[in-house]
Amino acid sequence: MPAYVIAELEITDETAYDEYRRRVTPTVTRHGGKYIVRGGAVESLENGWPPIRVAVLEFPSMDQARRWYHSPEYAPLIELRQRASKSRLTLLEGA
């Protein structure tokens, strides 16, 4: 069953975030993931959830998504993303 990582982001350091963006995609791909949404226009439809930037990644399973997130190659990128943005990540199982 597919799983999705949803990231809500507010970029605070464009230069550092550009480095994160450049380095993260190969780690996602190596773990069987792909980007479904990466930035783009955001419109709040109900209850005032006003995310500035959203990314949605799809993985074949929750386990593969967890392996990506906890992988040694992604660990330094978590720190880079946290320095370059205010972010929240959520993992959820798909249908």
C-alpha atoms as a PDB file:
ATOM      1  CA  MET A   1       0.000   0.000   0.000  1.00  0.00           C
ATOM      2  CA  PRO A   2       1.476   3.394  -0.906  1.00  0.00           C
ATOM      3  CA  ALA A   3       2.526   5.875   1.728  1.00  0.00           C
ATOM      4  CA  TYR A   4       2.909   9.621   1.544  1.00  0.00           C
ATOM      5  CA  VAL A   5       5.203  12.089   3.226  1.00  0.00           C
ATOM      6  CA  ILE A   6       3.576  15.510   3.378  1.00  0.00           C
ATOM      7  CA  ALA A   7       5.873  18.422   4.111  1.00  0.00           C
ATOM      8  CA  GLU A   8       4.669  21.886   5.003  1.00  0.00           C
ATOM      9  CA  LEU A   9       7.476  24.405   4.580  1.00  0.00           C
ATOM     10  CA  GLU A  10       8.358  28.038   4.977  1.00  0.00           C
ATOM     11  CA  ILE A  11      11.773  28.623   3.449  1.00  0.00           C
ATOM     12  CA  THR A  12      13.899  30.955   5.560  1.00  0.00           C
ATOM     13  CA  ASP A  13      17.262  30.590   3.774  1.00  0.00           C
ATOM     14  CA  GLU A  14      16.911  30.248  -0.015  1.00  0.00           C
ATOM     15  CA  THR A  15      20.583  29.427  -0.614  1.00  0.00           C
ATOM     16  CA  ALA A  16      20.665  26.590   1.916  1.00  0.00           C
ATOM     17  CA  TYR A  17      17.270  25.320   0.768  1.00  0.00           C
ATOM     18  CA  ASP A  18      18.486  25.257  -2.852  1.00  0.00           C
ATOM     19  CA  GLU A  19      21.280  22.951  -1.697  1.00  0.00           C
ATOM     20  CA  TYR A  20      18.759  20.744   0.124  1.00  0.00           C
ATOM     21  CA  ARG A  21      16.529  20.643  -2.964  1.00  0.00           C
ATOM     22  CA  ARG A  22      19.476  19.624  -5.150  1.00  0.00           C
ATOM     23  CA  ARG A  23      20.635  16.864  -2.809  1.00  0.00           C
ATOM     24  CA  VAL A  24      17.345  15.362  -1.604  1.00  0.00           C
ATOM     25  CA  THR A  25      15.868  13.978  -4.838  1.00  0.00           C
ATOM     26  CA  PRO A  26      18.477  11.208  -5.301  1.00  0.00           C
ATOM     27  CA  THR A  27      17.831   9.985  -1.739  1.00  0.00           C
ATOM     28  CA  VAL A  28      14.085   9.839  -2.381  1.00  0.00           C
ATOM     29  CA  THR A  29      14.574   7.961  -5.659  1.00  0.00           C
ATOM     30  CA  ARG A  30      16.978   5.435  -4.103  1.00  0.00           C
ATOM     31  CA  HIS A  31      14.267   4.505  -1.605  1.00  0.00           C
ATOM     32  CA  GLY A  32      11.574   4.028  -4.252  1.00  0.00           C
ATOM     33  CA  GLY A  33       9.942   7.409  -3.741  1.00  0.00           C
ATOM     34  CA  LYS A  34       8.859  10.154  -6.074  1.00  0.00           C
ATOM     35  CA  TYR A  35       7.551  13.685  -5.780  1.00  0.00           C
ATOM     36  CA  ILE A  36       3.822  14.113  -6.425  1.00  0.00           C
ATOM     37  CA  VAL A  37       3.761  17.795  -5.411  1.00  0.00           C
ATOM     38  CA  ARG A  38       6.771  20.051  -5.019  1.00  0.00           C
ATOM     39  CA  GLY A  39       5.885  23.670  -4.400  1.00  0.00           C
ATOM     40  CA  GLY A  40       3.378  25.431  -6.601  1.00  0.00           C
ATOM     41  CA  ALA A  41       0.350  27.535  -5.806  1.00  0.00           C
ATOM     42  CA  VAL A  42      -1.448  26.885  -2.515  1.00  0.00           C
ATOM     43  CA  GLU A  43      -5.044  27.866  -1.804  1.00  0.00           C
ATOM     44  CA  SER A  44      -6.741  27.312   1.544  1.00  0.00           C
ATOM     45  CA  LEU A  45     -10.322  26.131   1.040  1.00  0.00           C
ATOM     46  CA  GLU A  46     -11.520  25.616   4.619  1.00  0.00           C
ATOM     47  CA  ASN A  47     -10.609  26.468   8.194  1.00  0.00           C
ATOM     48  CA  GLY A  48      -7.734  28.792   7.366  1.00  0.00           C
ATOM     49  CA  TRP A  49      -4.886  26.283   6.942  1.00  0.00           C
ATOM     50  CA  PRO A  50      -2.449  28.626   5.189  1.00  0.00           C
ATOM     51  CA  PRO A  51       0.644  26.610   4.214  1.00  0.00           C
ATOM     52  CA  ILE A  52       3.237  28.611   2.331  1.00  0.00           C
ATOM     53  CA  ARG A  53       4.796  25.653   0.490  1.00  0.00           C
ATOM     54  CA  VAL A  54       3.795  21.990   0.363  1.00  0.00           C
ATOM     55  CA  ALA A  55       5.608  18.923  -0.927  1.00  0.00           C
ATOM     56  CA  VAL A  56       4.080  15.461  -1.214  1.00  0.00           C
ATOM     57  CA  LEU A  57       6.260  12.402  -1.730  1.00  0.00           C
ATOM     58  CA  GLU A  58       4.916   8.957  -2.571  1.00  0.00           C
ATOM     59  CA  PHE A  59       6.641   5.743  -1.496  1.00  0.00           C
ATOM     60  CA  PRO A  60       5.568   2.149  -2.183  1.00  0.00           C
ATOM     61  CA  SER A  61       5.013   1.523   1.544  1.00  0.00           C
ATOM     62  CA  MET A  62       5.242   3.021   5.033  1.00  0.00           C
ATOM     63  CA  ASP A  63       8.368   0.936   5.653  1.00  0.00           C
ATOM     64  CA  GLN A  64      10.126   2.320   2.581  1.00  0.00           C
ATOM     65  CA  ALA A  65       9.204   5.873   3.540  1.00  0.00           C
ATOM     66  CA  ARG A  66      10.567   5.283   7.050  1.00  0.00           C
ATOM     67  CA  ARG A  67      13.762   3.746   5.651  1.00  0.00           C
ATOM     68  CA  TRP A  68      14.262   6.871   3.528  1.00  0.00           C
ATOM     69  CA  TYR A  69      13.619   9.251   6.425  1.00  0.00           C
ATOM     70  CA  HIS A  70      15.925   7.352   8.809  1.00  0.00           C
ATOM     71  CA  SER A  71      18.601   6.585   6.201  1.00  0.00           C
ATOM     72  CA  PRO A  72      22.221   7.672   6.701  1.00  0.00           C
ATOM     73  CA  GLU A  73      22.181   9.623   3.428  1.00  0.00           C
ATOM     74  CA  TYR A  74      19.117  11.646   4.440  1.00  0.00           C
ATOM     75  CA  ALA A  75      20.247  12.387   8.022  1.00  0.00           C
ATOM     76  CA  PRO A  76      22.461  15.378   7.116  1.00  0.00           C
ATOM     77  CA  LEU A  77      19.731  16.695   4.833  1.00  0.00           C
ATOM     78  CA  ILE A  78      17.227  16.769   7.688  1.00  0.00           C
ATOM     79  CA  GLU A  79      19.575  19.112   9.508  1.00  0.00           C
ATOM     80  CA  LEU A  80      20.035  21.212   6.361  1.00  0.00           C
ATOM     81  CA  ARG A  81      16.259  21.423   5.774  1.00  0.00           C
ATOM     82  CA  GLN A  82      15.676  22.415   9.390  1.00  0.00           C
ATOM     83  CA  ARG A  83      18.290  25.184   9.137  1.00  0.00           C
ATOM     84  CA  ALA A  84      16.875  26.432   5.831  1.00  0.00           C
ATOM     85  CA  SER A  85      13.174  26.317   6.662  1.00  0.00           C
ATOM     86  CA  LYS A  86      10.442  26.035   9.211  1.00  0.00           C
ATOM     87  CA  SER A  87       8.952  22.674   8.351  1.00  0.00           C
ATOM     88  CA  ARG A  88       6.576  19.957   9.488  1.00  0.00           C
ATOM     89  CA  LEU A  89       6.563  16.448   8.001  1.00  0.00           C
ATOM     90  CA  THR A  90       3.834  13.859   8.295  1.00  0.00           C
ATOM     91  CA  LEU A  91       3.805  10.246   7.119  1.00  0.00           C
ATOM     92  CA  LEU A  92       0.481   8.678   6.203  1.00  0.00           C
ATOM     93  CA  GLU A  93      -0.688   5.465   4.630  1.00  0.00           C
ATOM     94  CA  GLY A  94      -2.536   5.705   1.341  1.00  0.00           C
ATOM     95  CA  ALA A  95      -5.556   3.812   0.085  1.00  0.00           C
END
